[in-house]
């Protein structure tokens, strides 16, 4: 018993001496789904709601630990099916403070979904060190960025597209 206690205590001391190593993080970034109109707080259209459900299905087994959205109806409603399927809240982030939000995500680590807009999503990709590619066009809703952030600062950008017909 005493020998077991010493072994455990030695392991604890050894682990305390080793600097903290953050595990690899994965950040999935998407633009909100299609909207009904061009108003400032437009709702999702039927196609947009379908895309939001497809996103939830896509990420069902991805190990997402947190879901973030800007504070508009279309982004919250895009994030909601994923959050509900994972029994997580939709946490709101400030689209005017993207650099600070990127630092927060890097510090927290883990696997997260971030729902934004055609202009904020590529900016977040940049702030996280990824490659945003070409600008997102007004009529484009199918791009999915998957950033892998390694503990040593390397970032890998994978760009996926929802397949044709996902909105049906």
C-alpha atoms as a PDB file:
ATOM      1  CA  UNK A   1       0.000   0.000   0.000  1.00  0.00           C
ATOM      2  CA  UNK A   2       2.762   2.437   0.963  1.00  0.00           C
ATOM      3  CA  UNK A   3       4.685   1.509  -2.173  1.00  0.00           C
ATOM      4  CA  UNK A   4       1.570   2.165  -4.334  1.00  0.00           C
ATOM      5  CA  UNK A   5       1.093   5.532  -2.649  1.00  0.00           C
ATOM      6  CA  UNK A   6       4.736   6.452  -3.346  1.00  0.00           C
ATOM      7  CA  UNK A   7       4.386   5.430  -6.995  1.00  0.00           C
ATOM      8  CA  UNK A   8       1.254   7.524  -7.443  1.00  0.00           C
ATOM      9  CA  UNK A   9       2.795  10.493  -5.614  1.00  0.00           C
ATOM     10  CA  UNK A  10       5.937  10.245  -7.755  1.00  0.00           C
ATOM     11  CA  UNK A  11       3.809  10.254 -10.901  1.00  0.00           C
ATOM     12  CA  UNK A  12       1.909  13.338  -9.683  1.00  0.00           C
ATOM     13  CA  UNK A  13       5.172  15.192  -8.946  1.00  0.00           C
ATOM     14  CA  UNK A  14       6.578  14.187 -12.337  1.00  0.00           C
ATOM     15  CA  UNK A  15       3.444  15.389 -14.159  1.00  0.00           C
ATOM     16  CA  UNK A  16       3.490  18.667 -12.257  1.00  0.00           C
ATOM     17  CA  UNK A  17       7.052  19.260 -13.417  1.00  0.00           C
ATOM     18  CA  UNK A  18       6.199  18.726 -17.092  1.00  0.00           C
ATOM     19  CA  UNK A  19       4.971  21.904 -18.823  1.00  0.00           C
ATOM     20  CA  UNK A  20       1.344  21.865 -19.839  1.00  0.00           C
ATOM     21  CA  UNK A  21       0.886  20.633 -23.397  1.00  0.00           C
ATOM     22  CA  UNK A  22      -2.299  21.678 -25.144  1.00  0.00           C
ATOM     23  CA  UNK A  23      -3.802  19.027 -27.328  1.00  0.00           C
ATOM     24  CA  UNK A  24      -4.605  19.577 -30.957  1.00  0.00           C
ATOM     25  CA  UNK A  25      -7.713  21.703 -31.555  1.00  0.00           C
ATOM     26  CA  UNK A  26     -10.227  21.540 -34.368  1.00  0.00           C
ATOM     27  CA  UNK A  27     -12.332  24.545 -35.350  1.00  0.00           C
ATOM     28  CA  UNK A  28     -15.132  24.077 -37.868  1.00  0.00           C
ATOM     29  CA  UNK A  29     -16.274  27.375 -39.397  1.00  0.00           C
ATOM     30  CA  UNK A  30     -19.327  27.917 -41.592  1.00  0.00           C
ATOM     31  CA  UNK A  31     -21.416  30.753 -42.912  1.00  0.00           C
ATOM     32  CA  UNK A  32     -25.071  30.713 -41.853  1.00  0.00           C
ATOM     33  CA  UNK A  33     -27.571  28.958 -44.097  1.00  0.00           C
ATOM     34  CA  UNK A  34     -29.639  30.600 -46.795  1.00  0.00           C
ATOM     35  CA  UNK A  35     -31.867  33.447 -45.611  1.00  0.00           C
ATOM     36  CA  UNK A  36     -35.358  34.579 -46.585  1.00  0.00           C
ATOM     37  CA  UNK A  37     -34.386  38.155 -47.494  1.00  0.00           C
ATOM     38  CA  UNK A  38     -31.694  40.814 -47.208  1.00  0.00           C
ATOM     39  CA  UNK A  39     -32.945  42.409 -43.967  1.00  0.00           C
ATOM     40  CA  UNK A  40     -30.430  42.990 -41.188  1.00  0.00           C
ATOM     41  CA  UNK A  41     -31.707  40.104 -39.039  1.00  0.00           C
ATOM     42  CA  UNK A  42     -33.176  37.808 -41.681  1.00  0.00           C
ATOM     43  CA  UNK A  43     -34.514  34.396 -40.752  1.00  0.00           C
ATOM     44  CA  UNK A  44     -33.336  31.204 -42.427  1.00  0.00           C
ATOM     45  CA  UNK A  45     -35.276  30.053 -45.456  1.00  0.00           C
ATOM     46  CA  UNK A  46     -36.505  26.456 -45.746  1.00  0.00           C
ATOM     47  CA  UNK A  47     -33.308  25.707 -47.667  1.00  0.00           C
ATOM     48  CA  UNK A  48     -31.228  27.338 -44.904  1.00  0.00           C
ATOM     49  CA  UNK A  49     -32.972  25.283 -42.205  1.00  0.00           C
ATOM     50  CA  UNK A  50     -32.323  22.153 -44.261  1.00  0.00           C
ATOM     51  CA  UNK A  51     -28.648  23.080 -44.522  1.00  0.00           C
ATOM     52  CA  UNK A  52     -28.501  23.630 -40.739  1.00  0.00           C
ATOM     53  CA  UNK A  53     -29.907  20.125 -40.174  1.00  0.00           C
ATOM     54  CA  UNK A  54     -27.374  18.711 -42.671  1.00  0.00           C
ATOM     55  CA  UNK A  55     -24.582  20.441 -40.737  1.00  0.00           C
ATOM     56  CA  UNK A  56     -25.791  18.813 -37.506  1.00  0.00           C
ATOM     57  CA  UNK A  57     -25.788  15.410 -39.218  1.00  0.00           C
ATOM     58  CA  UNK A  58     -22.316  16.049 -40.633  1.00  0.00           C
ATOM     59  CA  UNK A  59     -20.886  16.953 -37.208  1.00  0.00           C
ATOM     60  CA  UNK A  60     -22.807  14.374 -35.168  1.00  0.00           C
ATOM     61  CA  UNK A  61     -19.744  12.209 -34.497  1.00  0.00           C
ATOM     62  CA  UNK A  62     -17.047  14.911 -34.809  1.00  0.00           C
ATOM     63  CA  UNK A  63     -16.569  15.362 -31.056  1.00  0.00           C
ATOM     64  CA  UNK A  64     -17.743  18.983 -31.064  1.00  0.00           C
ATOM     65  CA  UNK A  65     -17.481  20.349 -27.514  1.00  0.00           C
ATOM     66  CA  UNK A  66     -18.826  23.878 -28.015  1.00  0.00           C
ATOM     67  CA  UNK A  67     -21.008  25.728 -30.528  1.00  0.00           C
ATOM     68  CA  UNK A  68     -20.578  29.463 -31.198  1.00  0.00           C
ATOM     69  CA  UNK A  69     -22.663  31.904 -33.198  1.00  0.00           C
ATOM     70  CA  UNK A  70     -22.937  35.609 -33.776  1.00  0.00           C
ATOM     71  CA  UNK A  71     -26.099  37.147 -32.370  1.00  0.00           C
ATOM     72  CA  UNK A  72     -28.349  37.110 -35.439  1.00  0.00           C
ATOM     73  CA  UNK A  73     -31.353  34.889 -36.070  1.00  0.00           C
ATOM     74  CA  UNK A  74     -29.815  33.240 -39.155  1.00  0.00           C
ATOM     75  CA  UNK A  75     -26.532  32.290 -37.430  1.00  0.00           C
ATOM     76  CA  UNK A  76     -28.180  31.119 -34.190  1.00  0.00           C
ATOM     77  CA  UNK A  77     -30.659  29.051 -36.207  1.00  0.00           C
ATOM     78  CA  UNK A  78     -27.841  27.528 -38.268  1.00  0.00           C
ATOM     79  CA  UNK A  79     -25.979  26.554 -35.083  1.00  0.00           C
ATOM     80  CA  UNK A  80     -29.029  25.365 -33.130  1.00  0.00           C
ATOM     81  CA  UNK A  81     -29.566  21.881 -34.686  1.00  0.00           C
ATOM     82  CA  UNK A  82     -25.935  20.954 -34.022  1.00  0.00           C
ATOM     83  CA  UNK A  83     -26.074  22.318 -30.464  1.00  0.00           C
ATOM     84  CA  UNK A  84     -29.347  20.536 -29.730  1.00  0.00           C
ATOM     85  CA  UNK A  85     -28.124  17.209 -31.106  1.00  0.00           C
ATOM     86  CA  UNK A  86     -25.053  17.462 -28.864  1.00  0.00           C
ATOM     87  CA  UNK A  87     -26.988  18.866 -25.871  1.00  0.00           C
ATOM     88  CA  UNK A  88     -24.823  22.011 -25.869  1.00  0.00           C
ATOM     89  CA  UNK A  89     -25.799  25.678 -25.675  1.00  0.00           C
ATOM     90  CA  UNK A  90     -25.215  28.081 -28.534  1.00  0.00           C
ATOM     91  CA  UNK A  91     -22.655  30.524 -27.134  1.00  0.00           C
ATOM     92  CA  UNK A  92     -22.720  34.014 -28.661  1.00  0.00           C
ATOM     93  CA  UNK A  93     -19.513  35.708 -29.802  1.00  0.00           C
ATOM     94  CA  UNK A  94     -18.986  39.309 -30.881  1.00  0.00           C
ATOM     95  CA  UNK A  95     -18.338  39.598 -34.626  1.00  0.00           C
ATOM     96  CA  UNK A  96     -16.640  42.958 -33.973  1.00  0.00           C
ATOM     97  CA  UNK A  97     -13.977  41.277 -31.804  1.00  0.00           C
ATOM     98  CA  UNK A  98     -12.797  38.432 -34.034  1.00  0.00           C
ATOM     99  CA  UNK A  99      -9.126  38.643 -33.098  1.00  0.00           C
ATOM    100  CA  UNK A 100      -9.921  38.382 -29.381  1.00  0.00           C
ATOM    101  CA  UNK A 101     -12.338  35.521 -30.053  1.00  0.00           C
ATOM    102  CA  UNK A 102      -9.671  33.676 -32.058  1.00  0.00           C
ATOM    103  CA  UNK A 103      -7.244  34.027 -29.126  1.00  0.00           C
ATOM    104  CA  UNK A 104      -9.920  32.693 -26.789  1.00  0.00           C
ATOM    105  CA  UNK A 105     -10.530  29.661 -29.012  1.00  0.00           C
ATOM    106  CA  UNK A 106      -6.796  28.938 -29.247  1.00  0.00           C
ATOM    107  CA  UNK A 107      -6.437  29.146 -25.461  1.00  0.00           C
ATOM    108  CA  UNK A 108      -9.423  26.873 -24.770  1.00  0.00           C
ATOM    109  CA  UNK A 109      -8.564  24.236 -27.333  1.00  0.00           C
ATOM    110  CA  UNK A 110     -10.918  21.377 -28.095  1.00  0.00           C
ATOM    111  CA  UNK A 111     -13.304  20.862 -30.991  1.00  0.00           C
ATOM    112  CA  UNK A 112     -15.732  23.657 -31.767  1.00  0.00           C
ATOM    113  CA  UNK A 113     -18.207  24.877 -34.365  1.00  0.00           C
ATOM    114  CA  UNK A 114     -18.244  28.594 -35.223  1.00  0.00           C
ATOM    115  CA  UNK A 115     -21.125  29.976 -37.293  1.00  0.00           C
ATOM    116  CA  UNK A 116     -20.626  33.379 -38.865  1.00  0.00           C
ATOM    117  CA  UNK A 117     -21.214  35.384 -42.012  1.00  0.00           C
ATOM    118  CA  UNK A 118     -19.724  35.673 -45.500  1.00  0.00           C
ATOM    119  CA  UNK A 119     -17.312  38.351 -44.264  1.00  0.00           C
ATOM    120  CA  UNK A 120     -16.595  37.186 -40.698  1.00  0.00           C
ATOM    121  CA  UNK A 121     -15.976  33.507 -41.430  1.00  0.00           C
ATOM    122  CA  UNK A 122     -12.923  34.068 -43.689  1.00  0.00           C
ATOM    123  CA  UNK A 123     -11.652  36.683 -41.208  1.00  0.00           C
ATOM    124  CA  UNK A 124     -11.890  34.145 -38.361  1.00  0.00           C
ATOM    125  CA  UNK A 125     -10.027  31.618 -40.506  1.00  0.00           C
ATOM    126  CA  UNK A 126      -7.247  34.210 -40.968  1.00  0.00           C
ATOM    127  CA  UNK A 127      -7.146  35.131 -37.270  1.00  0.00           C
ATOM    128  CA  UNK A 128      -6.765  31.454 -36.413  1.00  0.00           C
ATOM    129  CA  UNK A 129      -3.855  31.172 -38.863  1.00  0.00           C
ATOM    130  CA  UNK A 130      -5.689  29.305 -41.607  1.00  0.00           C
ATOM    131  CA  UNK A 131      -6.096  29.929 -45.321  1.00  0.00           C
ATOM    132  CA  UNK A 132      -9.499  31.503 -46.107  1.00  0.00           C
ATOM    133  CA  UNK A 133      -9.142  31.036 -49.862  1.00  0.00           C
ATOM    134  CA  UNK A 134     -11.283  33.220 -52.091  1.00  0.00           C
ATOM    135  CA  UNK A 135     -13.949  35.530 -50.660  1.00  0.00           C
ATOM    136  CA  UNK A 136     -17.344  33.962 -49.970  1.00  0.00           C
ATOM    137  CA  UNK A 137     -19.835  35.162 -52.585  1.00  0.00           C
ATOM    138  CA  UNK A 138     -23.253  36.467 -51.549  1.00  0.00           C
ATOM    139  CA  UNK A 139     -24.983  33.396 -52.999  1.00  0.00           C
ATOM    140  CA  UNK A 140     -22.483  30.891 -51.530  1.00  0.00           C
ATOM    141  CA  UNK A 141     -23.540  28.912 -48.464  1.00  0.00           C
ATOM    142  CA  UNK A 142     -21.846  25.554 -48.906  1.00  0.00           C
ATOM    143  CA  UNK A 143     -18.258  26.126 -47.739  1.00  0.00           C
ATOM    144  CA  UNK A 144     -17.090  24.384 -44.544  1.00  0.00           C
ATOM    145  CA  UNK A 145     -13.655  25.242 -43.141  1.00  0.00           C
ATOM    146  CA  UNK A 146     -12.024  22.669 -40.876  1.00  0.00           C
ATOM    147  CA  UNK A 147      -8.950  24.087 -39.141  1.00  0.00           C
ATOM    148  CA  UNK A 148      -6.628  21.865 -37.182  1.00  0.00           C
ATOM    149  CA  UNK A 149      -4.506  23.872 -34.751  1.00  0.00           C
ATOM    150  CA  UNK A 150      -1.520  21.968 -33.417  1.00  0.00           C
ATOM    151  CA  UNK A 151       0.056  22.624 -30.042  1.00  0.00           C
ATOM    152  CA  UNK A 152       3.233  23.850 -31.766  1.00  0.00           C
ATOM    153  CA  UNK A 153       1.345  26.590 -33.651  1.00  0.00           C
ATOM    154  CA  UNK A 154       0.902  24.900 -37.022  1.00  0.00           C
ATOM    155  CA  UNK A 155      -2.492  25.257 -38.681  1.00  0.00           C
ATOM    156  CA  UNK A 156      -3.963  23.018 -41.337  1.00  0.00           C
ATOM    157  CA  UNK A 157      -6.923  24.229 -43.414  1.00  0.00           C
ATOM    158  CA  UNK A 158      -9.315  21.768 -45.001  1.00  0.00           C
ATOM    159  CA  UNK A 159     -12.131  23.233 -47.107  1.00  0.00           C
ATOM    160  CA  UNK A 160     -15.178  21.072 -47.696  1.00  0.00           C
ATOM    161  CA  UNK A 161     -18.417  21.739 -49.581  1.00  0.00           C
ATOM    162  CA  UNK A 162     -21.909  20.524 -48.858  1.00  0.00           C
ATOM    163  CA  UNK A 163     -22.830  18.237 -51.751  1.00  0.00           C
ATOM    164  CA  UNK A 164     -25.292  19.410 -54.408  1.00  0.00           C
ATOM    165  CA  UNK A 165     -28.865  18.838 -53.354  1.00  0.00           C
ATOM    166  CA  UNK A 166     -28.220  19.035 -49.610  1.00  0.00           C
ATOM    167  CA  UNK A 167     -30.809  21.787 -49.402  1.00  0.00           C
ATOM    168  CA  UNK A 168     -33.661  19.585 -50.701  1.00  0.00           C
END
